[in-house]
C-alpha atoms as a PDB file:
ATOM      1  CA  MET A   1     141.485  62.473 142.399  1.00  0.00           C
ATOM      2  CA  GLN A   2     143.628  61.291 140.103  1.00  0.00           C
ATOM      3  CA  GLN A   3     146.109  62.507 138.485  1.00  0.00           C
ATOM      4  CA  ARG A   4     145.918  63.055 134.284  1.00  0.00           C
ATOM      5  CA  SER A   5     148.755  62.221 132.401  1.00  0.00           C
ATOM      6  CA  GLU A   6     149.980  60.842 128.710  1.00  0.00           C
ATOM      7  CA  THR A   7     148.912  57.434 129.909  1.00  0.00           C
ATOM      8  CA  MET A   8     145.906  58.096 131.039  1.00  0.00           C
ATOM      9  CA  PRO A   9     144.498  57.511 134.426  1.00  0.00           C
ATOM     10  CA  PHE A  10     141.917  54.934 135.672  1.00  0.00           C
ATOM     11  CA  GLY A  11     143.614  51.695 134.301  1.00  0.00           C
ATOM     12  CA  TYR A  12     142.029  53.279 130.387  1.00  0.00           C
ATOM     13  CA  SER A  13     145.557  52.144 128.290  1.00  0.00           C
ATOM     14  CA  ASP A  14     145.271  49.005 129.956  1.00  0.00           C
ATOM     15  CA  HIS A  15     141.114  48.987 129.344  1.00  0.00           C
ATOM     16  CA  LEU A  16     141.987  49.418 125.129  1.00  0.00           C
ATOM     17  CA  ARG A  17     144.866  46.689 125.640  1.00  0.00           C
ATOM     18  CA  LYS A  18     142.592  43.871 126.734  1.00  0.00           C
ATOM     19  CA  LYS A  19     140.068  44.666 123.583  1.00  0.00           C
ATOM     20  CA  GLY A  20     142.823  44.308 121.445  1.00  0.00           C
ATOM     21  CA  MET A  21     143.442  47.483 120.289  1.00  0.00           C
ATOM     22  CA  LYS A  22     147.078  48.064 118.303  1.00  0.00           C
ATOM     23  CA  GLU A  23     149.196  50.107 120.377  1.00  0.00           C
ATOM     24  CA  VAL A  24     149.404  52.889 117.831  1.00  0.00           C
ATOM     25  CA  THR A  25     145.329  53.039 117.795  1.00  0.00           C
ATOM     26  CA  ILE A  26     145.504  53.620 121.987  1.00  0.00           C
ATOM     27  CA  ASP A  27     148.122  56.174 121.751  1.00  0.00           C
ATOM     28  CA  GLU A  28     145.622  58.351 119.211  1.00  0.00           C
ATOM     29  CA  HIS A  29     142.789  57.635 122.336  1.00  0.00           C
ATOM     30  CA  VAL A  30     145.553  58.957 124.361  1.00  0.00           C
ATOM     31  CA  ARG A  31     146.228  62.134 122.433  1.00  0.00           C
ATOM     32  CA  GLN A  32     142.569  63.223 121.644  1.00  0.00           C
ATOM     33  CA  LEU A  33     142.002  62.358 125.186  1.00  0.00           C
ATOM     34  CA  THR A  34     144.945  64.964 126.421  1.00  0.00           C
ATOM     35  CA  TYR A  35     144.025  67.648 124.042  1.00  0.00           C
ATOM     36  CA  PHE A  36     140.472  67.494 125.883  1.00  0.00           C
ATOM     37  CA  PHE A  37     141.423  68.093 129.110  1.00  0.00           C
ATOM     38  CA  HIS A  38     144.294  70.053 128.294  1.00  0.00           C
ATOM     39  CA  TYR A  39     141.621  72.055 126.509  1.00  0.00           C
ATOM     40  CA  LEU A  40     139.010  72.119 129.800  1.00  0.00           C
ATOM     41  CA  ASP A  41     141.458  73.159 132.611  1.00  0.00           C
ATOM     42  CA  TYR A  42     142.599  76.118 129.778  1.00  0.00           C
ATOM     43  CA  THR A  43     138.969  76.745 130.145  1.00  0.00           C
ATOM     44  CA  TYR A  44     138.093  76.277 133.889  1.00  0.00           C
ATOM     45  CA  LYS A  45     141.667  77.328 134.795  1.00  0.00           C
ATOM     46  CA  LYS A  46     141.213  74.050 136.923  1.00  0.00           C
ATOM     47  CA  GLN A  47     140.971  70.730 136.572  1.00  0.00           C
ATOM     48  CA  LYS A  48     137.513  69.343 136.270  1.00  0.00           C
ATOM     49  CA  GLU A  49     136.453  65.871 137.834  1.00  0.00           C
ATOM     50  CA  LEU A  50     135.259  63.721 135.323  1.00  0.00           C
ATOM     51  CA  TYR A  51     131.845  63.386 137.026  1.00  0.00           C
ATOM     52  CA  GLU A  52     131.977  67.918 136.153  1.00  0.00           C
ATOM     53  CA  ILE A  53     132.453  67.242 132.585  1.00  0.00           C
ATOM     54  CA  THR A  54     129.054  67.914 130.388  1.00  0.00           C
ATOM     55  CA  PRO A  55     127.556  67.597 127.407  1.00  0.00           C
ATOM     56  CA  LYS A  56     127.695  71.090 126.935  1.00  0.00           C
ATOM     57  CA  ASP A  57     131.978  71.221 127.359  1.00  0.00           C
ATOM     58  CA  ILE A  58     132.623  68.577 124.674  1.00  0.00           C
ATOM     59  CA  ARG A  59     130.214  70.704 122.697  1.00  0.00           C
ATOM     60  CA  GLN A  60     132.301  73.311 122.616  1.00  0.00           C
ATOM     61  CA  TYR A  61     135.397  71.877 122.533  1.00  0.00           C
ATOM     62  CA  LEU A  62     134.297  70.223 119.117  1.00  0.00           C
ATOM     63  CA  GLN A  63     133.111  73.853 118.230  1.00  0.00           C
ATOM     64  CA  GLN A  64     136.353  75.145 118.517  1.00  0.00           C
ATOM     65  CA  LYS A  65     137.644  72.072 117.015  1.00  0.00           C
ATOM     66  CA  LYS A  66     135.664  72.300 114.216  1.00  0.00           C
ATOM     67  CA  GLN A  67     136.290  76.437 113.699  1.00  0.00           C
ATOM     68  CA  SER A  68     140.454  75.949 113.955  1.00  0.00           C
ATOM     69  CA  GLY A  69     139.343  73.803 109.877  1.00  0.00           C
ATOM     70  CA  LEU A  70     139.690  70.321 111.785  1.00  0.00           C
ATOM     71  CA  LYS A  71     138.353  67.792 108.587  1.00  0.00           C
ATOM     72  CA  VAL A  72     134.766  66.071 109.271  1.00  0.00           C
ATOM     73  CA  SER A  73     136.390  62.843 109.247  1.00  0.00           C
ATOM     74  CA  THR A  74     138.507  63.713 111.841  1.00  0.00           C
ATOM     75  CA  LEU A  75     136.205  65.398 114.127  1.00  0.00           C
ATOM     76  CA  ASN A  76     133.914  62.141 114.262  1.00  0.00           C
ATOM     77  CA  LYS A  77     137.244  60.557 115.277  1.00  0.00           C
ATOM     78  CA  ILE A  78     137.252  62.634 118.304  1.00  0.00           C
ATOM     79  CA  ILE A  79     133.812  61.666 118.819  1.00  0.00           C
ATOM     80  CA  SER A  80     134.441  58.309 118.723  1.00  0.00           C
ATOM     81  CA  ILE A  81     137.212  58.297 121.329  1.00  0.00           C
ATOM     82  CA  LEU A  82     135.232  60.201 123.445  1.00  0.00           C
ATOM     83  CA  HIS A  83     132.446  57.544 123.417  1.00  0.00           C
ATOM     84  CA  HIS A  84     134.940  54.711 123.966  1.00  0.00           C
ATOM     85  CA  PHE A  85     136.576  57.244 126.866  1.00  0.00           C
ATOM     86  CA  PHE A  86     133.110  57.740 128.976  1.00  0.00           C
ATOM     87  CA  ASP A  87     131.486  54.178 128.028  1.00  0.00           C
ATOM     88  CA  PHE A  88     134.234  53.217 130.318  1.00  0.00           C
ATOM     89  CA  ALA A  89     134.188  55.734 132.733  1.00  0.00           C
ATOM     90  CA  TRP A  90     130.027  55.061 132.917  1.00  0.00           C
ATOM     91  CA  ASP A  91     130.600  51.484 132.916  1.00  0.00           C
ATOM     92  CA  ASN A  92     133.830  51.507 135.840  1.00  0.00           C
ATOM     93  CA  SER A  93     131.137  53.889 138.344  1.00  0.00           C
ATOM     94  CA  LEU A  94     133.681  57.020 137.442  1.00  0.00           C
ATOM     95  CA  VAL A  95     130.763  59.176 136.034  1.00  0.00           C
ATOM     96  CA  ALA A  96     127.011  58.680 137.305  1.00  0.00           C
ATOM     97  CA  VAL A  97     125.750  59.954 134.236  1.00  0.00           C
ATOM     98  CA  ASP A  98     127.681  59.659 130.410  1.00  0.00           C
ATOM     99  CA  PRO A  99     128.403  63.313 129.044  1.00  0.00           C
ATOM    100  CA  ALA A 100     129.347  62.200 125.723  1.00  0.00           C
ATOM    101  CA  GLN A 101     125.969  59.711 125.174  1.00  0.00           C
ATOM    102  CA  LYS A 102     124.257  61.711 122.756  1.00  0.00           C
ATOM    103  CA  ILE A 103     126.825  63.569 121.077  1.00  0.00           C
ATOM    104  CA  LYS A 104     126.556  62.808 117.563  1.00  0.00           C
ATOM    105  CA  HIS A 105     128.599  62.543 114.445  1.00  0.00           C
ATOM    106  CA  PHE A 106     128.961  64.916 111.912  1.00  0.00           C
ATOM    107  CA  LYS A 107     127.246  64.738 108.851  1.00  0.00           C
ATOM    108  CA  SER A 108     129.686  64.400 105.902  1.00  0.00           C
ATOM    109  CA  GLU A 109     130.114  67.764 104.211  1.00  0.00           C
ATOM    110  CA  MET A 110     132.299  66.446 101.232  1.00  0.00           C
ATOM    111  CA  GLN A 111     133.335  63.156 100.247  1.00  0.00           C
ATOM    112  CA  LYS A 112     136.575  61.821  99.929  1.00  0.00           C
ATOM    113  CA  LYS A 113     137.817  60.905  96.475  1.00  0.00           C
ATOM    114  CA  GLU A 114     141.320  59.521  96.909  1.00  0.00           C
ATOM    115  CA  PRO A 115     142.231  55.876  97.390  1.00  0.00           C
ATOM    116  CA  LEU A 116     140.950  53.874 100.614  1.00  0.00           C
ATOM    117  CA  THR A 117     144.290  53.794 103.268  1.00  0.00           C
ATOM    118  CA  TRP A 118     145.046  50.584 105.032  1.00  0.00           C
ATOM    119  CA  GLU A 119     144.588  53.306 108.159  1.00  0.00           C
ATOM    120  CA  GLU A 120     141.244  53.872 107.628  1.00  0.00           C
ATOM    121  CA  ILE A 121     140.687  50.246 106.919  1.00  0.00           C
ATOM    122  CA  ASP A 122     141.989  49.405 110.800  1.00  0.00           C
ATOM    123  CA  TYR A 123     140.218  52.052 112.344  1.00  0.00           C
ATOM    124  CA  VAL A 124     136.716  50.872 110.915  1.00  0.00           C
ATOM    125  CA  LEU A 125     137.579  47.226 112.315  1.00  0.00           C
ATOM    126  CA  THR A 126     138.757  49.214 115.372  1.00  0.00           C
ATOM    127  CA  GLU A 127     135.871  51.101 116.019  1.00  0.00           C
ATOM    128  CA  LYS A 128     133.053  48.491 114.661  1.00  0.00           C
ATOM    129  CA  LEU A 129     134.412  45.868 117.105  1.00  0.00           C
ATOM    130  CA  ALA A 130     134.122  48.224 120.113  1.00  0.00           C
ATOM    131  CA  GLU A 131     130.645  49.129 119.072  1.00  0.00           C
ATOM    132  CA  ASP A 132     127.589  47.700 121.246  1.00  0.00           C
ATOM    133  CA  ILE A 133     125.974  46.064 117.505  1.00  0.00           C
ATOM    134  CA  PRO A 134     125.732  41.773 117.197  1.00  0.00           C
ATOM    135  CA  ASP A 135     128.934  40.009 116.892  1.00  0.00           C
ATOM    136  CA  LYS A 136     127.558  38.653 113.683  1.00  0.00           C
ATOM    137  CA  HIS A 137     127.583  42.683 112.333  1.00  0.00           C
ATOM    138  CA  LYS A 138     130.725  42.623 113.788  1.00  0.00           C
ATOM    139  CA  ILE A 139     132.121  39.643 111.462  1.00  0.00           C
ATOM    140  CA  ILE A 140     130.871  41.060 108.219  1.00  0.00           C
ATOM    141  CA  TYR A 141     133.464  44.254 109.267  1.00  0.00           C
ATOM    142  CA  ILE A 142     136.040  41.316 110.432  1.00  0.00           C
ATOM    143  CA  LEU A 143     135.853  39.376 107.108  1.00  0.00           C
ATOM    144  CA  ALA A 144     135.603  42.672 104.258  1.00  0.00           C
ATOM    145  CA  CYS A 145     138.775  44.156 106.558  1.00  0.00           C
ATOM    146  CA  SER A 146     140.612  40.600 105.821  1.00  0.00           C
ATOM    147  CA  GLY A 147     140.504  41.440 102.103  1.00  0.00           C
ATOM    148  CA  LEU A 148     137.782  38.756 100.721  1.00  0.00           C
ATOM    149  CA  ARG A 149     135.070  38.972  98.428  1.00  0.00           C
ATOM    150  CA  PRO A 150     131.432  39.528  98.650  1.00  0.00           C
ATOM    151  CA  GLU A 151     131.295  35.632  97.201  1.00  0.00           C
ATOM    152  CA  GLU A 152     133.583  34.557  99.957  1.00  0.00           C
ATOM    153  CA  PHE A 153     131.387  35.488 103.430  1.00  0.00           C
ATOM    154  CA  ARG A 154     129.618  32.311 102.273  1.00  0.00           C
ATOM    155  CA  ILE A 155     131.984  30.554 104.792  1.00  0.00           C
ATOM    156  CA  ASN A 156     130.758  27.213 105.441  1.00  0.00           C
ATOM    157  CA  ARG A 157     131.343  26.032 109.097  1.00  0.00           C
ATOM    158  CA  SER A 158     133.414  23.222 108.529  1.00  0.00           C
ATOM    159  CA  HIS A 159     136.323  25.656 106.885  1.00  0.00           C
ATOM    160  CA  LEU A 160     136.765  26.865 109.731  1.00  0.00           C
ATOM    161  CA  LEU A 161     139.745  26.068 112.276  1.00  0.00           C
ATOM    162  CA  SER A 162     140.104  26.824 116.009  1.00  0.00           C
ATOM    163  CA  GLU A 163     143.724  27.550 117.157  1.00  0.00           C
ATOM    164  CA  LYS A 164     144.850  28.732 120.672  1.00  0.00           C
ATOM    165  CA  ASP A 165     145.195  32.418 119.630  1.00  0.00           C
ATOM    166  CA  THR A 166     143.568  32.580 116.122  1.00  0.00           C
ATOM    167  CA  LEU A 167     141.372  31.248 114.313  1.00  0.00           C
ATOM    168  CA  LYS A 168     141.737  30.050 110.360  1.00  0.00           C
ATOM    169  CA  LEU A 169     139.729  30.295 107.928  1.00  0.00           C
ATOM    170  CA  PHE A 170     139.870  28.117 104.432  1.00  0.00           C
ATOM    171  CA  VAL A 171     139.178  30.431 101.650  1.00  0.00           C
ATOM    172  CA  SER A 172     138.410  28.384  98.037  1.00  0.00           C
ATOM    173  CA  LYS A 173     137.068  29.866  94.992  1.00  0.00           C
ATOM    174  CA  GLU A 174     137.602  28.138  91.207  1.00  0.00           C
ATOM    175  CA  SER A 175     141.419  27.485  91.063  1.00  0.00           C
ATOM    176  CA  HIS A 176     142.254  29.979  93.875  1.00  0.00           C
ATOM    177  CA  GLU A 177     143.220  28.259  97.569  1.00  0.00           C
ATOM    178  CA  ARG A 178     144.152  30.497 101.132  1.00  0.00           C
ATOM    179  CA  VAL A 179     144.141  30.286 104.419  1.00  0.00           C
ATOM    180  CA  ILE A 180     143.080  33.530 105.989  1.00  0.00           C
ATOM    181  CA  THR A 181     144.258  33.781 109.922  1.00  0.00           C
ATOM    182  CA  ILE A 182     142.044  35.977 111.854  1.00  0.00           C
ATOM    183  CA  SER A 183     144.367  36.898 115.499  1.00  0.00           C
ATOM    184  CA  GLY A 184     143.080  39.190 118.689  1.00  0.00           C
ATOM    185  CA  GLU A 185     139.756  40.068 119.818  1.00  0.00           C
ATOM    186  CA  ALA A 186     138.521  39.453 116.241  1.00  0.00           C
ATOM    187  CA  ALA A 187     139.565  35.737 116.976  1.00  0.00           C
ATOM    188  CA  SER A 188     137.781  35.439 120.379  1.00  0.00           C
ATOM    189  CA  ILE A 189     134.404  37.181 118.357  1.00  0.00           C
ATOM    190  CA  LEU A 190     134.914  34.997 115.656  1.00  0.00           C
ATOM    191  CA  LYS A 191     135.360  31.498 118.405  1.00  0.00           C
ATOM    192  CA  ARG A 192     132.446  32.712 120.450  1.00  0.00           C
ATOM    193  CA  TYR A 193     129.641  33.391 117.266  1.00  0.00           C
ATOM    194  CA  ASN A 194     130.541  30.158 115.946  1.00  0.00           C
ATOM    195  CA  ASP A 195     130.517  28.643 119.136  1.00  0.00           C
ATOM    196  CA  GLY A 196     127.173  29.733 119.691  1.00  0.00           C
ATOM    197  CA  ILE A 197     125.548  28.775 116.159  1.00  0.00           C
ATOM    198  CA  GLU A 198     123.932  26.086 114.579  1.00  0.00           C
ATOM    199  CA  GLY A 199     123.934  25.798 110.873  1.00  0.00           C
ATOM    200  CA  SER A 200     126.237  25.179 107.696  1.00  0.00           C
ATOM    201  CA  TYR A 201     127.075  28.544 107.252  1.00  0.00           C
ATOM    202  CA  LEU A 202     129.730  30.934 109.410  1.00  0.00           C
ATOM    203  CA  ILE A 203     126.866  33.945 108.592  1.00  0.00           C
ATOM    204  CA  SER A 204     123.204  33.057 107.290  1.00  0.00           C
ATOM    205  CA  SER A 205     119.520  33.816 107.376  1.00  0.00           C
ATOM    206  CA  TYR A 206     116.464  31.189 107.222  1.00  0.00           C
ATOM    207  CA  THR A 207     113.154  31.827 105.385  1.00  0.00           C
ATOM    208  CA  ARG A 208     109.895  31.422 106.742  1.00  0.00           C
ATOM    209  CA  ASP A 209     110.341  27.753 105.864  1.00  0.00           C
ATOM    210  CA  GLY A 210     113.607  27.003 107.967  1.00  0.00           C
ATOM    211  CA  GLU A 211     116.197  27.100 104.942  1.00  0.00           C
ATOM    212  CA  GLU A 212     119.475  28.293 105.852  1.00  0.00           C
ATOM    213  CA  LYS A 213     120.710  30.930 103.607  1.00  0.00           C
ATOM    214  CA  PRO A 214     124.425  32.831 103.027  1.00  0.00           C
ATOM    215  CA  ILE A 215     124.722  35.907 103.438  1.00  0.00           C
ATOM    216  CA  GLN A 216     123.565  38.347 100.301  1.00  0.00           C
ATOM    217  CA  ARG A 217     125.681  40.642  99.050  1.00  0.00           C
ATOM    218  CA  MET A 218     123.357  43.136  99.446  1.00  0.00           C
ATOM    219  CA  THR A 219     123.442  42.589 103.649  1.00  0.00           C
ATOM    220  CA  ILE A 220     127.414  43.014 103.031  1.00  0.00           C
ATOM    221  CA  GLY A 221     126.721  46.087 100.880  1.00  0.00           C
ATOM    222  CA  ILE A 222     124.612  47.829 103.815  1.00  0.00           C
ATOM    223  CA  HIS A 223     127.239  47.400 106.257  1.00  0.00           C
ATOM    224  CA  LEU A 224     130.069  48.642 104.196  1.00  0.00           C
ATOM    225  CA  LYS A 225     127.577  51.596 103.741  1.00  0.00           C
ATOM    226  CA  LYS A 226     127.585  52.324 107.107  1.00  0.00           C
ATOM    227  CA  ALA A 227     131.322  52.161 107.338  1.00  0.00           C
ATOM    228  CA  ALA A 228     131.789  54.635 104.809  1.00  0.00           C
ATOM    229  CA  GLN A 229     129.951  57.543 106.865  1.00  0.00           C
ATOM    230  CA  LEU A 230     132.412  56.808 109.579  1.00  0.00           C
ATOM    231  CA  LEU A 231     135.310  58.254 107.360  1.00  0.00           C
ATOM    232  CA  ASP A 232     133.551  60.980 105.776  1.00  0.00           C
ATOM    233  CA  ARG A 233     133.582  58.712 102.394  1.00  0.00           C
ATOM    234  CA  GLU A 234     130.644  58.116  99.354  1.00  0.00           C
ATOM    235  CA  SER A 235     131.370  54.082  99.716  1.00  0.00           C
ATOM    236  CA  PHE A 236     134.131  51.342 101.441  1.00  0.00           C
ATOM    237  CA  THR A 237     133.890  48.799  98.837  1.00  0.00           C
ATOM    238  CA  THR A 238     135.255  45.162  99.575  1.00  0.00           C
ATOM    239  CA  ASN A 239     137.592  46.149  96.462  1.00  0.00           C
ATOM    240  CA  GLU A 240     138.592  49.385  97.381  1.00  0.00           C
ATOM    241  CA  ILE A 241     139.818  47.033 100.719  1.00  0.00           C
ATOM    242  CA  ARG A 242     141.466  44.623  98.793  1.00  0.00           C
ATOM    243  CA  ARG A 243     143.452  47.560  96.585  1.00  0.00           C
ATOM    244  CA  ALA A 244     144.139  48.864 100.016  1.00  0.00           C
ATOM    245  CA  LEU A 245     145.480  45.804 101.024  1.00  0.00           C
ATOM    246  CA  ALA A 246     147.573  44.931  97.963  1.00  0.00           C
ATOM    247  CA  VAL A 247     148.914  48.628  98.753  1.00  0.00           C
ATOM    248  CA  LYS A 248     150.051  47.502 102.054  1.00  0.00           C
ATOM    249  CA  TRP A 249     150.983  43.990 101.595  1.00  0.00           C
ATOM    250  CA  THR A 250     153.068  44.880  98.238  1.00  0.00           C
ATOM    251  CA  GLU A 251     154.919  47.141 100.669  1.00  0.00           C
ATOM    252  CA  GLU A 252     156.120  44.339 102.811  1.00  0.00           C
ATOM    253  CA  ASP A 253     155.472  41.298 101.342  1.00  0.00           C
ATOM    254  CA  GLY A 254     156.251  41.511  97.377  1.00  0.00           C
ATOM    255  CA  TYR A 255     153.787  40.774  94.501  1.00  0.00           C
ATOM    256  CA  GLU A 256     153.742  37.080  94.574  1.00  0.00           C
ATOM    257  CA  GLU A 257     153.430  37.020  98.009  1.00  0.00           C
ATOM    258  CA  THR A 258     150.313  39.305  97.756  1.00  0.00           C
ATOM    259  CA  ALA A 259     148.980  38.057  94.599  1.00  0.00           C
ATOM    260  CA  GLU A 260     148.485  34.269  97.391  1.00  0.00           C
ATOM    261  CA  LYS A 261     146.755  36.320 100.064  1.00  0.00           C
ATOM    262  CA  LEU A 262     144.386  37.937  98.462  1.00  0.00           C
ATOM    263  CA  GLY A 263     144.000  34.470  96.261  1.00  0.00           C
ATOM    264  CA  ILE A 264     144.812  35.875  92.861  1.00  0.00           C
ATOM    265  CA  ASP A 265     147.198  35.720  90.166  1.00  0.00           C
ATOM    266  CA  LYS A 266     149.895  38.405  89.762  1.00  0.00           C
ATOM    267  CA  LEU A 267     148.202  39.863  86.686  1.00  0.00           C
ATOM    268  CA  SER A 268     145.187  40.355  88.059  1.00  0.00           C
ATOM    269  CA  LEU A 269     146.442  41.841  91.235  1.00  0.00           C
ATOM    270  CA  MET A 270     148.447  44.624  89.242  1.00  0.00           C
ATOM    271  CA  LYS A 271     145.907  45.448  87.915  1.00  0.00           C
ATOM    272  CA  LEU A 272     143.745  45.738  91.263  1.00  0.00           C
ATOM    273  CA  LEU A 273     147.168  48.632  91.717  1.00  0.00           C
ATOM    274  CA  SER A 274     146.171  50.389  88.399  1.00  0.00           C
END
């Protein structure tokens, strides 16, 4: 039996790094899993093997956390972390049955009204890139979390530049042109998807007559609504994302560089932040 520790056994921390997760996100996974294993150790007065952990153990742990006053969004974050870990355990034959597979997220009891934060955007992107969904859907989240407006999702594939570890998107709107650099796992997904498709647009659909159409605003909205549920929010819109990015970037880079990154002038940036 491998000793559980704050570094996580079975190579799980290294697995998360290979998936492109940031160290702060990996630390949160380790922290929450450590809490869960400590709960099991205390409850059973011994260290349970992974294959001995049951759905009932997870449900009782979540119920205890809920009774302690944790918010629904925090509980759902814990559930997502447990899903990730036991998916890894099942893929590596560490468990015969995934005890977290049928554990559902809690439904929202109240909606957040606070402004969206960069940390929430990063959490959504991390979760969606790890989720078992088509790459086409993941790209919607990548573009949204990079600060694109809905009309800017109509990216012509000729405006993509693939480099060794990054992918650059050339975005043009009226008098504002900018380059968005995608890196890490997001870049790998974009490259893989782009290499496997035909047509002019990065994300498109086809009519019955075979005519290619760029992604529609409604399609973007449907996917972002799913992301809102992860955060226990009523909405998760491109405008809310752009505002949160503006807050983060102005603190780091100042107004002029942030306006350039978002493809707007400084007056529009100040309005966005107000």
